[in-house]
Structures are given as C-alpha cells and as structure tokens.
Protein backbone atom coordinates (compact mmCIF):
# COMPACT_ATOMS: atom_id res chain seq x y z
CA MET A 1 0.00 0.00 0.00
CA ALA A 2 2.77 2.38 0.98
CA LEU A 3 4.76 1.33 -2.05
CA GLY A 4 1.80 1.93 -4.33
CA GLY A 5 1.20 5.36 -2.85
CA SER A 6 4.87 6.24 -3.25
CA GLU A 7 4.80 5.18 -6.88
CA THR A 8 1.75 7.35 -7.56
CA MET A 9 3.46 10.34 -5.96
CA ASP A 10 6.56 9.79 -8.12
CA GLN A 11 4.43 9.62 -11.25
CA ASP A 12 2.51 12.76 -10.27
CA GLY A 13 5.74 14.54 -9.39
CA HIS A 14 7.27 13.49 -12.70
CA GLY A 15 4.13 14.66 -14.51
CA GLU A 16 4.19 18.00 -12.73
CA THR A 17 7.90 18.42 -13.49
CA PHE A 18 7.34 17.62 -17.17
CA ILE A 19 4.40 20.04 -17.44
CA PHE A 20 6.35 22.78 -15.62
CA ARG A 21 9.35 22.24 -17.89
CA ALA A 22 7.17 22.28 -21.04
CA VAL A 23 5.42 25.50 -19.95
CA GLN A 24 8.79 27.05 -19.09
CA ILE A 25 10.31 26.21 -22.48
CA GLY A 26 7.14 27.30 -24.32
CA SER A 27 7.16 30.63 -22.48
CA VAL A 28 10.82 31.30 -23.28
CA VAL A 29 10.37 30.45 -26.99
CA ALA A 30 7.21 32.61 -27.17
CA LEU A 31 9.08 35.50 -25.51
CA TYR A 32 11.94 35.15 -28.03
CA TRP A 33 9.51 35.16 -30.95
CA PHE A 34 7.58 38.15 -29.59
CA ILE A 35 10.65 40.30 -28.94
CA SER A 36 12.41 39.36 -32.18
CA ILE A 37 9.40 39.86 -34.49
CA THR A 38 8.31 43.07 -32.72
CA MET A 39 11.84 44.46 -32.94
CA VAL A 40 11.99 43.88 -36.71
CA PHE A 41 8.60 45.55 -37.32
CA LEU A 42 9.45 48.40 -34.95
CA ASN A 43 12.77 49.04 -36.69
CA ASN A 44 11.02 48.94 -40.05
CA TYR A 45 8.55 51.57 -38.79
CA LEU A 46 11.34 53.84 -37.53
CA LEU A 47 13.53 53.46 -40.64
CA ASP A 48 10.64 53.83 -43.08
CA ASN A 49 9.73 57.21 -41.58
CA HIS A 50 9.54 59.55 -44.61
CA ASN A 51 9.86 62.61 -42.37
CA LEU A 52 13.24 61.49 -40.99
CA ASP A 53 15.83 60.03 -43.35
CA ALA A 54 18.52 59.33 -40.74
CA PRO A 55 19.17 55.55 -40.43
CA LEU A 56 22.60 56.11 -38.85
CA PHE A 57 21.12 58.28 -36.10
CA VAL A 58 18.40 55.71 -35.39
CA THR A 59 21.07 53.01 -35.04
CA PHE A 60 23.28 55.29 -32.91
CA TYR A 61 20.39 56.02 -30.55
CA GLN A 62 19.67 52.31 -30.11
CA CYS A 63 23.33 51.67 -29.23
CA LEU A 64 23.15 54.53 -26.72
CA ILE A 65 20.08 52.93 -25.09
CA THR A 66 21.95 49.62 -24.86
CA VAL A 67 24.86 51.31 -23.03
CA GLY A 68 22.38 52.94 -20.65
CA LEU A 69 20.61 49.63 -19.99
CA CYS A 70 23.94 47.86 -19.33
CA TRP A 71 24.75 50.53 -16.72
CA LEU A 72 21.25 50.22 -15.21
CA MET A 73 21.54 46.41 -15.00
CA GLN A 74 24.88 46.79 -13.20
CA GLN A 75 23.27 49.02 -10.57
CA LEU A 76 20.27 46.70 -10.16
CA SER A 77 22.54 43.66 -9.78
CA LYS A 78 24.26 45.42 -6.86
CA LEU A 79 20.92 46.17 -5.22
CA CYS A 80 19.33 42.77 -5.92
CA PRO A 81 22.20 40.28 -6.51
CA LYS A 82 19.92 37.28 -5.96
CA LEU A 83 17.44 38.40 -8.63
CA ILE A 84 19.73 39.96 -11.23
CA ASP A 85 23.07 38.51 -12.32
CA PHE A 86 25.01 41.09 -14.34
CA PRO A 87 28.78 41.63 -14.41
CA SER A 88 30.28 44.75 -12.86
CA VAL A 89 32.14 46.63 -15.60
CA LYS A 90 34.45 49.61 -15.14
CA PHE A 91 35.39 51.27 -18.42
CA ASP A 92 38.97 50.49 -19.37
CA LEU A 93 40.59 52.26 -22.35
CA LYS A 94 42.92 49.33 -23.09
CA THR A 95 40.00 46.89 -23.28
CA SER A 96 38.06 49.34 -25.44
CA ARG A 97 40.96 49.49 -27.92
CA GLU A 98 41.15 45.68 -28.02
CA VAL A 99 37.42 45.49 -28.80
CA LEU A 100 37.64 48.29 -31.44
CA PRO A 101 38.18 46.03 -34.52
CA LEU A 102 35.02 44.12 -33.60
CA SER A 103 33.18 47.42 -33.02
CA ILE A 104 33.99 48.55 -36.58
CA VAL A 105 32.58 45.28 -37.93
CA PHE A 106 29.62 45.59 -35.52
CA ILE A 107 28.55 49.08 -36.67
CA SER A 108 28.89 47.97 -40.30
CA MET A 109 26.70 44.95 -39.57
CA ILE A 110 23.88 46.80 -37.81
CA THR A 111 24.00 49.74 -40.26
CA PHE A 112 23.75 47.53 -43.37
CA ASN A 113 21.15 45.41 -41.58
CA ASN A 114 18.95 48.45 -40.90
CA LEU A 115 19.47 49.83 -44.41
CA CYS A 116 18.41 46.47 -45.86
CA LEU A 117 15.26 46.53 -43.72
CA LYS A 118 14.58 50.14 -44.75
CA TYR A 119 14.72 49.41 -48.50
CA VAL A 120 13.29 45.88 -48.83
CA GLY A 121 10.70 45.82 -46.01
CA VAL A 122 9.90 42.98 -43.62
CA ALA A 123 8.37 40.56 -46.17
CA PHE A 124 11.56 40.25 -48.28
CA TYR A 125 13.91 40.75 -45.32
CA THR A 126 14.42 37.01 -44.69
CA VAL A 127 15.59 36.39 -48.27
CA GLY A 128 17.50 39.69 -48.48
CA ARG A 129 19.51 38.76 -45.39
CA SER A 130 19.81 35.05 -46.14
CA LEU A 131 23.46 34.80 -47.20
CA SER A 132 25.01 34.98 -43.71
CA THR A 133 25.34 31.17 -43.64
CA VAL A 134 27.07 31.18 -47.04
CA PHE A 135 29.48 33.90 -45.88
CA ASN A 136 30.11 31.89 -42.69
CA VAL A 137 31.48 29.06 -44.80
CA LEU A 138 33.38 31.32 -47.21
CA LEU A 139 35.01 33.59 -44.61
CA SER A 140 35.78 30.72 -42.22
CA TYR A 141 37.82 29.17 -45.04
CA ILE A 142 39.53 32.43 -46.07
CA ILE A 143 40.29 33.79 -42.58
CA LEU A 144 40.33 30.72 -40.31
CA LYS A 145 41.36 28.13 -42.93
CA GLN A 146 38.45 25.93 -41.81
CA THR A 147 37.13 23.50 -44.39
CA THR A 148 33.44 22.62 -44.74
CA SER A 149 31.80 19.27 -45.49
CA PHE A 150 30.10 18.53 -48.80
CA GLN A 151 26.72 18.28 -47.03
CA ALA A 152 27.09 21.78 -45.55
CA ILE A 153 28.13 23.19 -48.95
CA LEU A 154 25.05 21.55 -50.50
CA CYS A 155 22.88 23.36 -47.91
CA CYS A 156 24.58 26.65 -48.87
CA ALA A 157 23.79 25.93 -52.54
CA ILE A 158 20.09 25.58 -51.63
CA ILE A 159 20.23 28.93 -49.78
CA LEU A 160 21.93 30.60 -52.77
CA GLY A 161 19.29 29.18 -55.10
CA GLY A 162 16.52 30.49 -52.85
CA PHE A 163 18.18 33.92 -52.71
CA TRP A 164 18.44 34.27 -56.52
CA LEU A 165 14.91 32.95 -57.05
CA GLY A 166 13.66 35.42 -54.42
CA VAL A 167 15.42 38.35 -56.10
CA ASP A 168 13.98 37.29 -59.46
CA GLN A 169 10.43 36.97 -58.09
CA GLU A 170 10.62 40.22 -56.12
CA GLY A 171 11.78 41.93 -59.34
CA MET A 172 8.73 40.60 -61.17
CA THR A 173 6.44 42.25 -58.61
CA GLY A 174 8.08 45.60 -59.33
CA ASN A 175 8.99 46.09 -55.65
CA LEU A 176 12.65 45.05 -55.85
CA SER A 177 15.19 47.52 -54.48
CA TRP A 178 18.69 46.74 -55.74
CA SER A 179 20.06 49.02 -53.03
CA GLY A 180 18.22 46.90 -50.46
CA VAL A 181 19.64 43.69 -52.00
CA PHE A 182 23.17 45.16 -51.88
CA PHE A 183 22.73 46.21 -48.24
CA GLY A 184 21.37 42.75 -47.43
CA VAL A 185 24.40 41.02 -48.97
CA MET A 186 26.76 43.38 -47.11
CA ALA A 187 24.84 42.82 -43.84
CA SER A 188 25.15 39.04 -44.32
CA ALA A 189 28.92 39.35 -44.86
CA PHE A 190 29.38 41.48 -41.74
CA VAL A 191 27.19 39.13 -39.65
CA SER A 192 29.72 36.40 -40.46
CA LEU A 193 32.70 38.67 -39.80
CA ASN A 194 31.10 39.70 -36.52
CA ALA A 195 30.93 36.05 -35.39
CA ILE A 196 34.61 35.51 -36.31
CA TYR A 197 35.85 38.69 -34.60
CA THR A 198 33.67 38.03 -31.53
CA LYS A 199 35.58 34.79 -30.93
CA LYS A 200 38.87 36.68 -31.32
CA VAL A 201 38.15 39.45 -28.80
CA MET A 202 36.30 37.36 -26.19
CA PRO A 203 39.47 36.86 -24.08
CA ALA A 204 39.75 40.67 -23.71
CA VAL A 205 36.42 40.73 -21.80
CA ASP A 206 37.02 37.50 -19.84
CA GLY A 207 34.63 35.63 -22.12
CA ASN A 208 31.63 37.61 -20.83
CA ILE A 209 29.09 38.49 -23.53
CA TRP A 210 27.57 41.36 -21.51
CA LYS A 211 30.96 43.01 -20.98
CA LEU A 212 31.52 42.68 -24.71
CA SER A 213 28.12 44.26 -25.44
CA TYR A 214 28.95 47.16 -23.08
CA TYR A 215 32.31 47.98 -24.70
CA ASN A 216 31.04 47.27 -28.21
CA ASN A 217 28.14 49.70 -27.90
CA ILE A 218 30.24 52.43 -26.26
CA ASN A 219 32.72 52.20 -29.15
CA ALA A 220 29.82 52.15 -31.63
CA CYS A 221 28.32 55.35 -30.17
CA ILE A 222 31.65 57.15 -30.59
CA LEU A 223 32.21 55.81 -34.13
CA PHE A 224 28.69 56.75 -35.26
CA LEU A 225 29.10 60.46 -34.40
CA PRO A 226 31.50 61.36 -37.28
CA LEU A 227 29.48 59.15 -39.66
CA ILE A 228 26.30 61.07 -38.82
CA LEU A 229 28.16 64.33 -39.62
CA VAL A 230 29.75 63.03 -42.85
CA PHE A 231 26.46 61.69 -44.26
CA GLY A 232 24.63 64.93 -43.45
CA GLU A 233 22.03 63.47 -41.11
CA LEU A 234 22.25 66.51 -38.80
CA GLY A 235 20.34 68.48 -41.46
CA SER A 236 17.57 65.87 -41.48
CA LEU A 237 17.40 65.98 -37.68
CA ALA A 238 17.29 69.80 -37.62
CA SER A 239 14.35 69.90 -40.04
CA PHE A 240 12.49 66.99 -38.45
CA SER A 241 9.00 68.15 -37.45
CA ARG A 242 8.59 65.63 -34.60
CA SER A 243 11.77 66.46 -32.69
CA PHE A 244 9.76 67.19 -29.53
CA ASP A 245 7.17 64.45 -30.04
CA LEU A 246 7.27 62.17 -26.98
CA ARG A 247 5.58 59.33 -28.89
CA PHE A 248 8.38 59.32 -31.48
CA TRP A 249 11.11 59.26 -28.82
CA GLY A 250 9.15 56.60 -26.95
CA MET A 251 9.20 54.38 -30.06
CA MET A 252 12.92 55.09 -30.56
CA THR A 253 13.66 54.15 -26.95
CA LEU A 254 11.49 51.02 -27.22
CA GLY A 255 13.52 49.98 -30.27
CA GLY A 256 16.70 50.27 -28.20
CA VAL A 257 15.16 48.30 -25.32
CA PHE A 258 14.10 45.49 -27.69
CA GLY A 259 17.58 45.52 -29.23
CA PHE A 260 19.06 44.98 -25.77
CA ALA A 261 16.41 42.39 -24.84
CA ILE A 262 16.99 40.20 -27.91
CA GLY A 263 20.50 39.37 -26.66
CA TYR A 264 19.08 38.33 -23.29
CA VAL A 265 16.18 36.20 -24.61
CA SER A 266 18.45 34.53 -27.21
CA GLY A 267 20.74 33.42 -24.38
CA LEU A 268 17.70 32.38 -22.35
CA GLN A 269 16.33 30.26 -25.20
CA ILE A 270 19.71 28.53 -25.64
CA LYS A 271 19.90 27.94 -21.87
CA TYR A 272 16.46 26.28 -21.64
CA THR A 273 16.67 24.37 -24.94
CA SER A 274 19.92 24.01 -26.92
CA PRO A 275 21.89 25.91 -29.61
CA LEU A 276 20.34 23.65 -32.28
CA THR A 277 16.78 24.27 -31.02
CA HIS A 278 17.53 27.99 -30.86
CA ASN A 279 18.55 27.98 -34.52
CA VAL A 280 15.47 25.99 -35.55
CA SER A 281 13.29 28.36 -33.53
CA GLY A 282 14.94 31.34 -35.26
CA THR A 283 14.24 29.81 -38.68
CA ALA A 284 10.59 29.10 -37.82
CA LYS A 285 10.29 32.63 -36.42
CA ALA A 286 11.61 34.06 -39.71
CA CYS A 287 8.95 32.09 -41.58
CA ALA A 288 6.18 33.39 -39.31
CA GLN A 289 7.58 36.91 -39.62
CA THR A 290 7.36 36.76 -43.42
CA VAL A 291 3.78 35.48 -43.35
CA ILE A 292 2.76 38.22 -40.88
CA ALA A 293 4.40 40.91 -43.03
CA VAL A 294 2.63 39.76 -46.23
CA ALA A 295 -0.72 39.51 -44.42
CA TYR A 296 -0.28 42.90 -42.72
CA ASN A 297 0.47 44.62 -46.04
CA HIS A 298 -2.40 42.75 -47.76
CA GLY A 299 0.13 41.51 -50.32
CA SER A 300 -0.25 38.71 -52.82
CA LYS A 301 2.84 36.67 -53.65
CA SER A 302 3.44 34.05 -56.34
CA LEU A 303 4.11 30.39 -55.64
CA LEU A 304 7.74 30.82 -56.75
CA TRP A 305 8.17 33.76 -54.33
CA TRP A 306 7.07 31.54 -51.44
CA THR A 307 9.25 28.74 -52.82
CA SER A 308 12.31 31.02 -52.59
CA ASN A 309 11.56 31.69 -48.91
CA LEU A 310 11.06 27.97 -48.29
CA MET A 311 14.40 27.16 -49.98
CA VAL A 312 16.23 29.72 -47.81
CA LEU A 313 14.60 28.48 -44.60
CA CYS A 314 15.02 24.77 -45.39
CA GLY A 315 18.63 25.28 -46.49
CA SER A 316 19.40 27.17 -43.27
CA SER A 317 17.71 24.53 -41.10
CA ALA A 318 19.51 21.72 -42.93
CA TYR A 319 22.86 23.50 -42.49
CA THR A 320 22.23 23.85 -38.74
CA TRP A 321 21.32 20.15 -38.53
CA VAL A 322 24.42 19.08 -40.50
CA LYS A 323 26.73 21.21 -38.33
CA SER A 324 25.15 19.83 -35.14
CA LEU A 325 25.82 16.27 -36.33
CA GLU A 326 29.41 17.22 -37.14
CA MET A 327 29.85 18.80 -33.70
CA LYS A 328 28.74 15.57 -32.02
CA LYS A 329 31.74 13.86 -33.62
CA VAL A 330 34.12 16.46 -32.15
CA PRO A 331 35.75 15.40 -28.84
CA PRO A 332 34.19 17.27 -25.86
CA THR A 333 35.80 20.65 -25.13
CA PRO A 334 34.75 23.63 -22.99
CA ASP A 335 34.08 25.69 -26.12
CA LYS A 336 32.02 23.06 -27.95
CA GLU A 337 28.63 24.67 -27.23
CA LYS A 338 30.00 28.14 -28.11
CA LEU A 339 31.22 26.84 -31.48
CA LEU A 340 27.82 25.34 -32.28
CA GLN A 341 26.09 28.52 -31.14
CA GLY A 342 28.35 30.51 -33.49
CA GLU A 343 26.95 28.63 -36.48
CA LYS A 344 23.49 30.25 -36.18
CA SER A 345 22.15 31.61 -39.44
CA ASP A 346 20.70 34.68 -37.70
CA LEU A 347 17.71 35.09 -39.97
CA GLY A 348 15.67 38.13 -39.09
CA VAL A 349 17.18 38.64 -35.68
C-alpha cells in the first residue's frame, strides 16, 4: 500500500515536473519570438519614416540605449544580486581598444542590416539577409582556414538558389530595391565577420558576452558620431517636425530596449533548450515573420516567391542540422557549445 502510494506520488511529481518544464520552455520560446518579431517591425517603422531620413542616427540612438541599460543592470545587480546577475564593468581604455576592430565590424553589420530593412521591407527581409550562412562558410575558409563538409556546402547551394529565385520573383512584382539587396548582402557578410571577430576578442572581456556588449556599444556610439556628420544626417534631424514628439522618442527608446532584450532572450532560449533548437526556432520565427508581413500589407505573392523563402529556410535549417551532427563527432571541449552557437544563421534577428 505504501509502495503503491509512493509510486503514484513519483508519477505525479514526474508529470508536474514535465508540465512545468514544457510550460517554461514554451514561455521562453514565445518570448523570443515576440521580442524578435516586434523588434523587426518596430525598426522597419522607424527606418521607413519619410519625415526622418537618418538611419545612422536611429542606429546610434539604439546603441546609446543599450549602453544605458547595461549601466542600469549593473546598478540593479548590486541592489538585488539574488534576482539579477550582471557583471560589474568599469570602463577600461585598453580593453576598449582591443574590442575596437570588432566594433567597426559591428557598426557595419547593424547599419547595413537596418538599411536592408529600410529598403526591402519585412516581407523580403528574410531572403535579403539570407546569405550569412554562405558567408560563414566562405570567410571561415579564407580567414580561419576551416574547411566545410560537402553536405554543408550543398545546404549553402540551396540557400543561394533560394536567394536568386527570391530576387527574381521580387523583381517581377516591381517592388525590388537593388540598393536593399546590396545592403542585405553586405549585412550578411558582416554578420559572419562579426561572429569571427567576436571569438577573437572574447578573451579581452574575460569571455563575458555582456561586458563585450557594453564595450562594443560604447565604441559604436563614438564611431557613429562622425558618420552622422559626414552623411549629413544633422540636417535631417534639424528639419524633423517631430523632434519634440514624446511618442516618437518613446518608439525610438522602445527599439533600443528590444535591441538589448533580444540578446538576453536569445541566451535564455539557448539555456532552456539548446543551440540547435535555438537555430530551428529562429528559422521558424523568420517564416512566421514573413507570413505576418505579407498579411499585414495585404500583399499577394506568387508560388515561386514563397518557394524562394522555403528554400532559404530549409537550407538554413539543414545547415544547422548538418553542423550539429558534425559537432557531435568532435571530442568534448569547454568551447564546444559556443562553437555550435556561433553557427546560427541569424535570420531576421
């Protein structure tokens, strides 16, 4: 009798644990999707503002918000160390100089990324930014001398085919922006360079991603200032009619908050699932994002247009799967999970 009761309790406890775990994972994935998709649409709204043609300033402001939030999190972690775990960072000029090469790549990445979003819109954004996986393979070979398996190259060929088909189909609708395509290709290249340089400068910040984010965004804010002057965005800001509109600045600040939050929820999703699941989730999220964008704009797309998106998403998912299988064959090392995480295709994030 006692044994039977004990067994029932174990089963109930196991059931409760499973349900709690499932709800926990579902909540984290839903939070990642919500923040990522909202951030893309919010950035598109800010960058597509016809009254303010200042994409560099928008990006600069978001970096500034990230620096402010890093400082705020440091203060909160001191007040509530049990609730908030955030590293204490004191600005060091030597560390800032060591991070500077990455910061140059970083501002190029986010600038081209935002320019791509500005010119192609959310619906074509997934295809426009789809070549990061291809550049991962290419630049890893050129810079790191790392070879890639035939299966992974085949996945890249599928992505390339989807990209060219997408460009062709978008051109047939009359909505294709060649500037947007160029910015998308450049963004993809710098996404890959950013992953490579991140690994190189990690020792300078003791391997802490939040310290890296702090220094990276401080450097970015400084580097953006002369670029804003050179590209004449001060004139656009001076003539902007909504300079004192609290709603506009609220949306700008919200964009910065979501930009900061995406780094946190990405890490959270990896923590509660795995790097592979995170990549699959990102791919599925990109698919949902495209469908939402087409529905929101009341657009009508051809079968081949949707096929191009499917090719990009399937090729990216297959590449992630192939790399995960290859990583399982690698002998266990402390950096194994970081290496797998670095292979993410980063679609629409």
